[in-house]
PDB file of all heavy atoms in Angstrom:
ATOM      1  N   CYS A   1      12.819   8.094 -34.503  1.00  0.00           N
ATOM      2  CA  CYS A   1      14.122   8.536 -35.119  1.00  0.00           C
ATOM      3  C   CYS A   1      15.310   8.064 -34.368  1.00  0.00           C
ATOM      4  O   CYS A   1      16.330   7.684 -34.853  1.00  0.00           O
ATOM      5  CB  CYS A   1      14.096  10.069 -35.317  1.00  0.00           C
ATOM      6  SG  CYS A   1      12.922  10.502 -36.563  1.00  0.00           S
ATOM      7  N   ALA A   2      15.160   8.041 -33.008  1.00  0.00           N
ATOM      8  CA  ALA A   2      16.262   7.601 -32.060  1.00  0.00           C
ATOM      9  C   ALA A   2      16.536   6.143 -32.333  1.00  0.00           C
ATOM     10  O   ALA A   2      17.729   5.790 -32.458  1.00  0.00           O
ATOM     11  CB  ALA A   2      15.941   7.817 -30.628  1.00  0.00           C
ATOM     12  N   ASP A   3      15.432   5.320 -32.480  1.00  0.00           N
ATOM     13  CA  ASP A   3      15.688   3.914 -32.883  1.00  0.00           C
ATOM     14  C   ASP A   3      16.304   3.720 -34.119  1.00  0.00           C
ATOM     15  O   ASP A   3      17.082   2.789 -34.325  1.00  0.00           O
ATOM     16  CB  ASP A   3      14.294   3.267 -32.917  1.00  0.00           C
ATOM     17  CG  ASP A   3      13.814   2.750 -31.549  1.00  0.00           C
ATOM     18  OD1 ASP A   3      14.564   3.012 -30.558  1.00  0.00           O
ATOM     19  OD2 ASP A   3      12.651   2.190 -31.497  1.00  0.00           O
ATOM     20  N   LEU A   4      16.016   4.603 -35.147  1.00  0.00           N
ATOM     21  CA  LEU A   4      16.671   4.444 -36.388  1.00  0.00           C
ATOM     22  C   LEU A   4      18.100   5.113 -36.469  1.00  0.00           C
ATOM     23  O   LEU A   4      18.821   4.899 -37.410  1.00  0.00           O
ATOM     24  CB  LEU A   4      15.872   5.227 -37.502  1.00  0.00           C
ATOM     25  CG  LEU A   4      14.593   4.487 -38.012  1.00  0.00           C
ATOM     26  CD1 LEU A   4      13.820   5.382 -38.894  1.00  0.00           C
ATOM     27  CD2 LEU A   4      15.032   3.243 -38.715  1.00  0.00           C
ATOM     28  N   GLY A   5      18.377   5.950 -35.606  1.00  0.00           N
ATOM     29  CA  GLY A   5      19.730   6.702 -35.513  1.00  0.00           C
ATOM     30  C   GLY A   5      19.693   7.787 -36.692  1.00  0.00           C
ATOM     31  O   GLY A   5      20.799   8.064 -37.249  1.00  0.00           O
ATOM     32  N   VAL A   6      18.537   8.469 -36.827  1.00  0.00           N
ATOM     33  CA  VAL A   6      18.527   9.455 -37.844  1.00  0.00           C
ATOM     34  C   VAL A   6      17.968  10.803 -37.135  1.00  0.00           C
ATOM     35  O   VAL A   6      17.189  10.751 -36.175  1.00  0.00           O
ATOM     36  CB  VAL A   6      17.590   9.247 -39.040  1.00  0.00           C
ATOM     37  CG1 VAL A   6      18.102   7.973 -39.763  1.00  0.00           C
ATOM     38  CG2 VAL A   6      16.217   8.938 -38.597  1.00  0.00           C
ATOM     39  N   GLY A   7      18.311  11.973 -37.640  1.00  0.00           N
ATOM     40  CA  GLY A   7      17.832  13.231 -37.118  1.00  0.00           C
ATOM     41  C   GLY A   7      16.492  13.519 -37.701  1.00  0.00           C
ATOM     42  O   GLY A   7      15.947  12.777 -38.609  1.00  0.00           O
ATOM     43  N   TYR A   8      15.768  14.420 -37.073  1.00  0.00           N
ATOM     44  CA  TYR A   8      14.545  14.864 -37.558  1.00  0.00           C
ATOM     45  C   TYR A   8      14.279  16.241 -37.308  1.00  0.00           C
ATOM     46  O   TYR A   8      14.749  16.913 -36.333  1.00  0.00           O
ATOM     47  CB  TYR A   8      13.339  13.972 -37.027  1.00  0.00           C
ATOM     48  CG  TYR A   8      12.653  14.503 -35.793  1.00  0.00           C
ATOM     49  CD1 TYR A   8      11.476  15.254 -35.821  1.00  0.00           C
ATOM     50  CD2 TYR A   8      13.210  14.097 -34.538  1.00  0.00           C
ATOM     51  CE1 TYR A   8      10.897  15.622 -34.670  1.00  0.00           C
ATOM     52  CE2 TYR A   8      12.535  14.537 -33.403  1.00  0.00           C
ATOM     53  CZ  TYR A   8      11.379  15.313 -33.485  1.00  0.00           C
ATOM     54  OH  TYR A   8      10.763  15.729 -32.268  1.00  0.00           O
ATOM     55  N   GLN A   9      13.411  16.884 -38.268  1.00  0.00           N
ATOM     56  CA  GLN A   9      12.931  18.282 -38.110  1.00  0.00           C
ATOM     57  C   GLN A   9      11.482  18.158 -37.696  1.00  0.00           C
ATOM     58  O   GLN A   9      10.722  17.746 -38.688  1.00  0.00           O
ATOM     59  CB  GLN A   9      13.262  19.116 -39.391  1.00  0.00           C
ATOM     60  CG  GLN A   9      12.929  20.492 -39.418  1.00  0.00           C
ATOM     61  CD  GLN A   9      13.724  21.227 -38.360  1.00  0.00           C
ATOM     62  OE1 GLN A   9      14.968  21.070 -38.382  1.00  0.00           O
ATOM     63  NE2 GLN A   9      13.091  22.022 -37.506  1.00  0.00           N
ATOM     64  N   GLY A  10      11.152  18.539 -36.606  1.00  0.00           N
ATOM     65  CA  GLY A  10       9.809  18.514 -36.164  1.00  0.00           C
ATOM     66  C   GLY A  10       9.001  19.842 -36.428  1.00  0.00           C
ATOM     67  O   GLY A  10       9.633  20.786 -36.782  1.00  0.00           O
ATOM     68  N   HIS A  11       7.731  19.699 -36.231  1.00  0.00           N
ATOM     69  CA  HIS A  11       6.889  20.917 -36.353  1.00  0.00           C
ATOM     70  C   HIS A  11       7.242  21.676 -37.681  1.00  0.00           C
ATOM     71  O   HIS A  11       7.432  22.856 -37.783  1.00  0.00           O
ATOM     72  CB  HIS A  11       6.969  21.852 -35.177  1.00  0.00           C
ATOM     73  CG  HIS A  11       6.619  21.125 -33.938  1.00  0.00           C
ATOM     74  ND1 HIS A  11       5.403  20.845 -33.503  1.00  0.00           N
ATOM     75  CD2 HIS A  11       7.365  20.845 -32.890  1.00  0.00           C
ATOM     76  CE1 HIS A  11       5.351  20.314 -32.459  1.00  0.00           C
ATOM     77  NE2 HIS A  11       6.641  20.262 -31.968  1.00  0.00           N
ATOM     78  N   ALA A  12       7.362  20.941 -38.775  1.00  0.00           N
ATOM     79  CA  ALA A  12       7.866  21.373 -40.108  1.00  0.00           C
ATOM     80  C   ALA A  12       6.864  22.390 -40.818  1.00  0.00           C
ATOM     81  O   ALA A  12       7.350  23.194 -41.634  1.00  0.00           O
ATOM     82  CB  ALA A  12       8.054  20.219 -41.058  1.00  0.00           C
ATOM     83  N   GLY A  13       5.664  22.259 -40.443  1.00  0.00           N
ATOM     84  CA  GLY A  13       4.625  23.235 -41.050  1.00  0.00           C
ATOM     85  C   GLY A  13       4.351  23.110 -42.436  1.00  0.00           C
ATOM     86  O   GLY A  13       3.997  24.047 -43.265  1.00  0.00           O
ATOM     87  N   LYS A  14       4.731  21.747 -43.017  1.00  0.00           N
ATOM     88  CA  LYS A  14       4.465  21.646 -44.488  1.00  0.00           C
ATOM     89  C   LYS A  14       2.967  21.978 -44.733  1.00  0.00           C
ATOM     90  O   LYS A  14       2.107  21.530 -43.911  1.00  0.00           O
ATOM     91  CB  LYS A  14       4.776  20.109 -44.802  1.00  0.00           C
ATOM     92  CG  LYS A  14       6.190  19.799 -44.697  1.00  0.00           C
ATOM     93  CD  LYS A  14       6.496  18.273 -44.892  1.00  0.00           C
ATOM     94  CE  LYS A  14       5.931  17.531 -43.790  1.00  0.00           C
ATOM     95  NZ  LYS A  14       6.155  16.000 -43.867  1.00  0.00           N
ATOM     96  N   PRO A  15       2.647  22.545 -45.792  1.00  0.00           N
ATOM     97  CA  PRO A  15       3.437  22.863 -46.922  1.00  0.00           C
ATOM     98  C   PRO A  15       4.366  24.101 -47.074  1.00  0.00           C
ATOM     99  O   PRO A  15       4.954  24.431 -48.067  1.00  0.00           O
ATOM    100  CB  PRO A  15       2.386  23.098 -48.009  1.00  0.00           C
ATOM    101  CG  PRO A  15       1.231  23.827 -47.344  1.00  0.00           C
ATOM    102  CD  PRO A  15       1.159  23.089 -45.909  1.00  0.00           C
ATOM    103  N   SER A  16       4.483  24.762 -45.859  1.00  0.00           N
ATOM    104  CA  SER A  16       5.550  25.677 -45.700  1.00  0.00           C
ATOM    105  C   SER A  16       6.920  25.116 -46.100  1.00  0.00           C
ATOM    106  O   SER A  16       6.978  23.947 -45.803  1.00  0.00           O
ATOM    107  CB  SER A  16       5.495  26.323 -44.268  1.00  0.00           C
ATOM    108  OG  SER A  16       6.717  27.120 -44.025  1.00  0.00           O
ATOM    109  N   THR A  17       7.817  25.792 -46.486  1.00  0.00           N
ATOM    110  CA  THR A  17       9.192  25.355 -46.740  1.00  0.00           C
ATOM    111  C   THR A  17      10.107  25.458 -45.638  1.00  0.00           C
ATOM    112  O   THR A  17      11.199  24.924 -45.667  1.00  0.00           O
ATOM    113  CB  THR A  17       9.767  26.103 -47.954  1.00  0.00           C
ATOM    114  OG1 THR A  17       9.851  27.517 -47.546  1.00  0.00           O
ATOM    115  CG2 THR A  17       8.913  25.937 -49.236  1.00  0.00           C
ATOM    116  N   ARG A  18       9.645  25.979 -44.494  1.00  0.00           N
ATOM    117  CA  ARG A  18      10.541  26.231 -43.453  1.00  0.00           C
ATOM    118  C   ARG A  18      11.176  24.981 -42.779  1.00  0.00           C
ATOM    119  O   ARG A  18      12.513  24.982 -42.461  1.00  0.00           O
ATOM    120  CB  ARG A  18       9.936  27.034 -42.357  1.00  0.00           C
ATOM    121  CG  ARG A  18       8.820  26.407 -41.437  1.00  0.00           C
ATOM    122  CD  ARG A  18       8.427  27.240 -40.257  1.00  0.00           C
ATOM    123  NE  ARG A  18       7.523  26.467 -39.478  1.00  0.00           N
ATOM    124  CZ  ARG A  18       6.267  26.558 -39.432  1.00  0.00           C
ATOM    125  NH1 ARG A  18       5.600  27.451 -40.366  1.00  0.00           N
ATOM    126  NH2 ARG A  18       5.540  25.899 -38.766  1.00  0.00           N
ATOM    127  N   GLY A  19      10.433  23.915 -42.720  1.00  0.00           N
ATOM    128  CA  GLY A  19      11.008  22.607 -42.074  1.00  0.00           C
ATOM    129  C   GLY A  19      12.056  22.052 -43.053  1.00  0.00           C
ATOM    130  O   GLY A  19      13.064  21.562 -42.587  1.00  0.00           O
ATOM    131  N   LEU A  20      11.807  22.025 -44.380  1.00  0.00           N
ATOM    132  CA  LEU A  20      12.675  21.517 -45.346  1.00  0.00           C
ATOM    133  C   LEU A  20      13.966  22.428 -45.387  1.00  0.00           C
ATOM    134  O   LEU A  20      15.119  21.870 -45.370  1.00  0.00           O
ATOM    135  CB  LEU A  20      12.087  21.487 -46.761  1.00  0.00           C
ATOM    136  CG  LEU A  20      11.217  20.296 -47.033  1.00  0.00           C
ATOM    137  CD1 LEU A  20       9.863  20.304 -46.211  1.00  0.00           C
ATOM    138  CD2 LEU A  20      10.777  20.182 -48.577  1.00  0.00           C
ATOM    139  N   GLU A  21      13.777  23.768 -45.383  1.00  0.00           N
ATOM    140  CA  GLU A  21      14.874  24.571 -45.281  1.00  0.00           C
ATOM    141  C   GLU A  21      15.754  24.431 -43.953  1.00  0.00           C
ATOM    142  O   GLU A  21      17.026  24.438 -44.168  1.00  0.00           O
ATOM    143  CB  GLU A  21      14.460  26.040 -45.460  1.00  0.00           C
ATOM    144  CG  GLU A  21      13.937  26.301 -46.837  1.00  0.00           C
ATOM    145  CD  GLU A  21      13.064  27.660 -47.006  1.00  0.00           C
ATOM    146  OE1 GLU A  21      12.851  28.162 -45.925  1.00  0.00           O
ATOM    147  OE2 GLU A  21      12.784  27.892 -48.161  1.00  0.00           O
ATOM    148  N   ALA A  22      15.117  24.304 -42.883  1.00  0.00           N
ATOM    149  CA  ALA A  22      15.989  24.094 -41.615  1.00  0.00           C
ATOM    150  C   ALA A  22      16.641  22.755 -41.749  1.00  0.00           C
ATOM    151  O   ALA A  22      17.860  22.719 -41.320  1.00  0.00           O
ATOM    152  CB  ALA A  22      14.919  24.066 -40.492  1.00  0.00           C
ATOM    153  N   ALA A  23      16.019  21.731 -42.268  1.00  0.00           N
ATOM    154  CA  ALA A  23      16.786  20.405 -42.411  1.00  0.00           C
ATOM    155  C   ALA A  23      17.926  20.558 -43.324  1.00  0.00           C
ATOM    156  O   ALA A  23      19.099  19.997 -43.001  1.00  0.00           O
ATOM    157  CB  ALA A  23      15.805  19.309 -42.879  1.00  0.00           C
ATOM    158  N   MET A  24      17.885  21.170 -44.440  1.00  0.00           N
ATOM    159  CA  MET A  24      18.907  21.331 -45.358  1.00  0.00           C
ATOM    160  C   MET A  24      20.032  22.143 -44.666  1.00  0.00           C
ATOM    161  O   MET A  24      21.249  21.796 -44.887  1.00  0.00           O
ATOM    162  CB  MET A  24      18.452  22.197 -46.676  1.00  0.00           C
ATOM    163  CG  MET A  24      17.653  21.221 -47.601  1.00  0.00           C
ATOM    164  SD  MET A  24      17.159  21.950 -49.145  1.00  0.00           S
ATOM    165  CE  MET A  24      15.803  23.065 -48.735  1.00  0.00           C
ATOM    166  N   GLU A  25      19.638  23.202 -43.878  1.00  0.00           N
ATOM    167  CA  GLU A  25      20.656  24.015 -43.220  1.00  0.00           C
ATOM    168  C   GLU A  25      21.468  23.166 -42.230  1.00  0.00           C
ATOM    169  O   GLU A  25      22.746  23.166 -42.109  1.00  0.00           O
ATOM    170  CB  GLU A  25      20.027  25.157 -42.578  1.00  0.00           C
ATOM    171  CG  GLU A  25      21.071  26.100 -41.951  1.00  0.00           C
ATOM    172  CD  GLU A  25      20.397  27.394 -41.418  1.00  0.00           C
ATOM    173  OE1 GLU A  25      19.394  27.924 -42.042  1.00  0.00           O
ATOM    174  OE2 GLU A  25      20.836  27.868 -40.214  1.00  0.00           O
ATOM    175  N   ARG A  26      20.811  22.295 -41.501  1.00  0.00           N
ATOM    176  CA  ARG A  26      21.241  21.486 -40.517  1.00  0.00           C
ATOM    177  C   ARG A  26      22.372  20.525 -41.138  1.00  0.00           C
ATOM    178  O   ARG A  26      23.325  20.104 -40.431  1.00  0.00           O
ATOM    179  CB  ARG A  26      20.232  20.682 -39.732  1.00  0.00           C
ATOM    180  CG  ARG A  26      19.466  21.605 -38.749  1.00  0.00           C
ATOM    181  CD  ARG A  26      18.414  20.881 -37.980  1.00  0.00           C
ATOM    182  NE  ARG A  26      18.819  19.632 -37.429  1.00  0.00           N
ATOM    183  CZ  ARG A  26      17.978  18.745 -36.920  1.00  0.00           C
ATOM    184  NH1 ARG A  26      16.637  18.985 -36.923  1.00  0.00           N
ATOM    185  NH2 ARG A  26      18.414  17.649 -36.262  1.00  0.00           N
ATOM    186  N   THR A  27      22.040  20.035 -42.385  1.00  0.00           N
ATOM    187  CA  THR A  27      22.865  18.975 -42.960  1.00  0.00           C
ATOM    188  C   THR A  27      23.857  19.533 -43.908  1.00  0.00           C
ATOM    189  O   THR A  27      24.790  18.906 -44.283  1.00  0.00           O
ATOM    190  CB  THR A  27      22.041  18.022 -43.653  1.00  0.00           C
ATOM    191  OG1 THR A  27      21.241  18.646 -44.694  1.00  0.00           O
ATOM    192  CG2 THR A  27      21.091  17.282 -42.728  1.00  0.00           C
ATOM    193  N   GLY A  28      23.816  20.824 -44.217  1.00  0.00           N
ATOM    194  CA  GLY A  28      24.728  21.474 -45.162  1.00  0.00           C
ATOM    195  C   GLY A  28      24.329  21.152 -46.669  1.00  0.00           C
ATOM    196  O   GLY A  28      25.210  21.346 -47.472  1.00  0.00           O
ATOM    197  N   ALA A  29      23.171  20.692 -46.900  1.00  0.00           N
ATOM    198  CA  ALA A  29      22.793  20.400 -48.249  1.00  0.00           C
ATOM    199  C   ALA A  29      22.083  21.534 -48.973  1.00  0.00           C
ATOM    200  O   ALA A  29      21.570  22.393 -48.168  1.00  0.00           O
ATOM    201  CB  ALA A  29      21.946  19.184 -48.214  1.00  0.00           C
ATOM    202  N   ASP A  30      22.052  21.722 -50.295  1.00  0.00           N
ATOM    203  CA  ASP A  30      21.397  22.650 -50.904  1.00  0.00           C
ATOM    204  C   ASP A  30      20.230  21.999 -51.710  1.00  0.00           C
ATOM    205  O   ASP A  30      19.991  20.824 -51.842  1.00  0.00           O
ATOM    206  CB  ASP A  30      22.290  23.444 -51.801  1.00  0.00           C
ATOM    207  CG  ASP A  30      22.847  22.579 -52.945  1.00  0.00           C
ATOM    208  OD1 ASP A  30      22.331  21.438 -53.293  1.00  0.00           O
ATOM    209  OD2 ASP A  30      23.859  22.991 -53.554  1.00  0.00           O
ATOM    210  N   ARG A  31      19.415  22.938 -52.250  1.00  0.00           N
ATOM    211  CA  ARG A  31      18.198  22.494 -52.908  1.00  0.00           C
ATOM    212  C   ARG A  31      18.475  21.493 -54.059  1.00  0.00           C
ATOM    213  O   ARG A  31      17.692  20.513 -54.252  1.00  0.00           O
ATOM    214  CB  ARG A  31      17.382  23.603 -53.406  1.00  0.00           C
ATOM    215  CG  ARG A  31      16.937  24.588 -52.459  1.00  0.00           C
ATOM    216  CD  ARG A  31      16.295  25.884 -52.995  1.00  0.00           C
ATOM    217  NE  ARG A  31      16.210  26.975 -52.064  1.00  0.00           N
ATOM    218  CZ  ARG A  31      15.396  26.970 -51.054  1.00  0.00           C
ATOM    219  NH1 ARG A  31      14.516  26.087 -50.813  1.00  0.00           N
ATOM    220  NH2 ARG A  31      15.299  28.106 -50.318  1.00  0.00           N
ATOM    221  N   ALA A  32      19.454  21.804 -54.902  1.00  0.00           N
ATOM    222  CA  ALA A  32      19.847  21.002 -55.912  1.00  0.00           C
ATOM    223  C   ALA A  32      20.199  19.552 -55.716  1.00  0.00           C
ATOM    224  O   ALA A  32      20.014  18.678 -56.542  1.00  0.00           O
ATOM    225  CB  ALA A  32      21.057  21.684 -56.743  1.00  0.00           C
ATOM    226  N   HIS A  33      20.531  19.318 -54.332  1.00  0.00           N
ATOM    227  CA  HIS A  33      21.007  18.013 -54.080  1.00  0.00           C
ATOM    228  C   HIS A  33      20.093  17.319 -53.032  1.00  0.00           C
ATOM    229  O   HIS A  33      20.460  16.458 -52.305  1.00  0.00           O
ATOM    230  CB  HIS A  33      22.412  18.018 -53.597  1.00  0.00           C
ATOM    231  CG  HIS A  33      23.278  18.603 -54.552  1.00  0.00           C
ATOM    232  ND1 HIS A  33      23.801  19.866 -54.725  1.00  0.00           N
ATOM    233  CD2 HIS A  33      23.970  17.955 -55.670  1.00  0.00           C
ATOM    234  CE1 HIS A  33      24.596  19.992 -55.797  1.00  0.00           C
ATOM    235  NE2 HIS A  33      24.611  18.765 -56.309  1.00  0.00           N
ATOM    236  N   THR A  34      18.877  17.885 -52.903  1.00  0.00           N
ATOM    237  CA  THR A  34      17.964  17.447 -51.863  1.00  0.00           C
ATOM    238  C   THR A  34      16.662  16.905 -52.535  1.00  0.00           C
ATOM    239  O   THR A  34      16.142  17.485 -53.548  1.00  0.00           O
ATOM    240  CB  THR A  34      17.481  18.609 -50.916  1.00  0.00           C
ATOM    241  OG1 THR A  34      18.820  19.006 -50.310  1.00  0.00           O
ATOM    242  CG2 THR A  34      16.609  18.135 -49.820  1.00  0.00           C
ATOM    243  N   ALA A  35      16.043  15.855 -51.881  1.00  0.00           N
ATOM    244  CA  ALA A  35      14.738  15.301 -52.346  1.00  0.00           C
ATOM    245  C   ALA A  35      13.913  15.193 -51.120  1.00  0.00           C
ATOM    246  O   ALA A  35      14.327  14.980 -50.017  1.00  0.00           O
ATOM    247  CB  ALA A  35      14.998  13.906 -52.936  1.00  0.00           C
ATOM    248  N   MET A  36      12.612  15.285 -51.274  1.00  0.00           N
ATOM    249  CA  MET A  36      11.593  14.988 -50.292  1.00  0.00           C
ATOM    250  C   MET A  36      10.680  13.860 -50.636  1.00  0.00           C
ATOM    251  O   MET A  36      10.107  13.853 -51.646  1.00  0.00           O
ATOM    252  CB  MET A  36      10.763  16.329 -50.082  1.00  0.00           C
ATOM    253  CG  MET A  36       9.742  16.196 -49.166  1.00  0.00           C
ATOM    254  SD  MET A  36      10.236  15.995 -47.386  1.00  0.00           S
ATOM    255  CE  MET A  36       8.764  15.266 -46.637  1.00  0.00           C
ATOM    256  N   LEU A  37      10.602  12.904 -49.710  1.00  0.00           N
ATOM    257  CA  LEU A  37       9.750  11.774 -49.922  1.00  0.00           C
ATOM    258  C   LEU A  37       8.533  11.833 -49.027  1.00  0.00           C
ATOM    259  O   LEU A  37       8.632  12.199 -47.873  1.00  0.00           O
ATOM    260  CB  LEU A  37      10.445  10.491 -49.532  1.00  0.00           C
ATOM    261  CG  LEU A  37       9.826   9.153 -49.708  1.00  0.00           C
ATOM    262  CD1 LEU A  37       9.520   8.897 -51.080  1.00  0.00           C
ATOM    263  CD2 LEU A  37      10.627   8.120 -48.927  1.00  0.00           C
ATOM    264  N   GLY A  38       7.278  11.703 -49.614  1.00  0.00           N
ATOM    265  CA  GLY A  38       6.114  11.753 -48.819  1.00  0.00           C
ATOM    266  C   GLY A  38       4.899  11.117 -49.501  1.00  0.00           C
ATOM    267  O   GLY A  38       4.975  10.741 -50.660  1.00  0.00           O
ATOM    268  N   ASP A  39       3.727  11.139 -48.805  1.00  0.00           N
ATOM    269  CA  ASP A  39       2.617  10.454 -49.203  1.00  0.00           C
ATOM    270  C   ASP A  39       1.496  11.413 -49.615  1.00  0.00           C
ATOM    271  O   ASP A  39       0.450  10.958 -50.069  1.00  0.00           O
ATOM    272  CB  ASP A  39       2.099   9.347 -48.209  1.00  0.00           C
ATOM    273  CG  ASP A  39       1.578   9.952 -47.053  1.00  0.00           C
ATOM    274  OD1 ASP A  39       2.247  10.754 -46.330  1.00  0.00           O
ATOM    275  OD2 ASP A  39       0.374   9.639 -46.639  1.00  0.00           O
ATOM    276  N   LYS A  40       1.621  12.648 -49.247  1.00  0.00           N
ATOM    277  CA  LYS A  40       0.611  13.604 -49.392  1.00  0.00           C
ATOM    278  C   LYS A  40       0.896  14.892 -50.320  1.00  0.00           C
ATOM    279  O   LYS A  40       1.899  15.510 -50.125  1.00  0.00           O
ATOM    280  CB  LYS A  40       0.048  14.178 -48.083  1.00  0.00           C
ATOM    281  CG  LYS A  40      -0.623  13.063 -47.221  1.00  0.00           C
ATOM    282  CD  LYS A  40      -1.161  13.679 -45.919  1.00  0.00           C
ATOM    283  CE  LYS A  40      -1.894  12.612 -45.213  1.00  0.00           C
ATOM    284  NZ  LYS A  40      -0.702  11.544 -44.832  1.00  0.00           N
ATOM    285  N   LEU A  41       0.060  15.040 -51.303  1.00  0.00           N
ATOM    286  CA  LEU A  41       0.223  16.123 -52.166  1.00  0.00           C
ATOM    287  C   LEU A  41       0.139  17.487 -51.490  1.00  0.00           C
ATOM    288  O   LEU A  41       0.884  18.406 -51.736  1.00  0.00           O
ATOM    289  CB  LEU A  41      -0.894  16.101 -53.301  1.00  0.00           C
ATOM    290  CG  LEU A  41      -0.830  15.123 -54.349  1.00  0.00           C
ATOM    291  CD1 LEU A  41      -2.013  15.126 -55.282  1.00  0.00           C
ATOM    292  CD2 LEU A  41       0.478  14.956 -55.074  1.00  0.00           C
ATOM    293  N   LEU A  42      -0.870  17.711 -50.641  1.00  0.00           N
ATOM    294  CA  LEU A  42      -1.077  18.969 -50.056  1.00  0.00           C
ATOM    295  C   LEU A  42      -0.089  19.350 -49.074  1.00  0.00           C
ATOM    296  O   LEU A  42      -0.039  20.636 -48.663  1.00  0.00           O
ATOM    297  CB  LEU A  42      -2.559  19.103 -49.509  1.00  0.00           C
ATOM    298  CG  LEU A  42      -3.591  19.053 -50.629  1.00  0.00           C
ATOM    299  CD1 LEU A  42      -5.011  19.060 -49.919  1.00  0.00           C
ATOM    300  CD2 LEU A  42      -3.490  20.295 -51.473  1.00  0.00           C
ATOM    301  N   THR A  43       0.706  18.578 -48.496  1.00  0.00           N
ATOM    302  CA  THR A  43       1.624  18.891 -47.599  1.00  0.00           C
ATOM    303  C   THR A  43       3.119  18.527 -48.062  1.00  0.00           C
ATOM    304  O   THR A  43       3.981  19.471 -48.461  1.00  0.00           O
ATOM    305  CB  THR A  43       1.546  18.127 -46.214  1.00  0.00           C
ATOM    306  OG1 THR A  43       1.373  16.729 -46.478  1.00  0.00           O
ATOM    307  CG2 THR A  43       0.195  18.552 -45.525  1.00  0.00           C
TER     308      THR A  43
END
């Protein structure tokens, strides 16, 4: 992430929502304006 110059939320605990919610809080975004990109259904 440092190489990319982007932030990250670690130990997200997916499929828990806590990591996604923490990231939205950090950026000031709400659910209606947020998307999650991933490769696994169960997480």
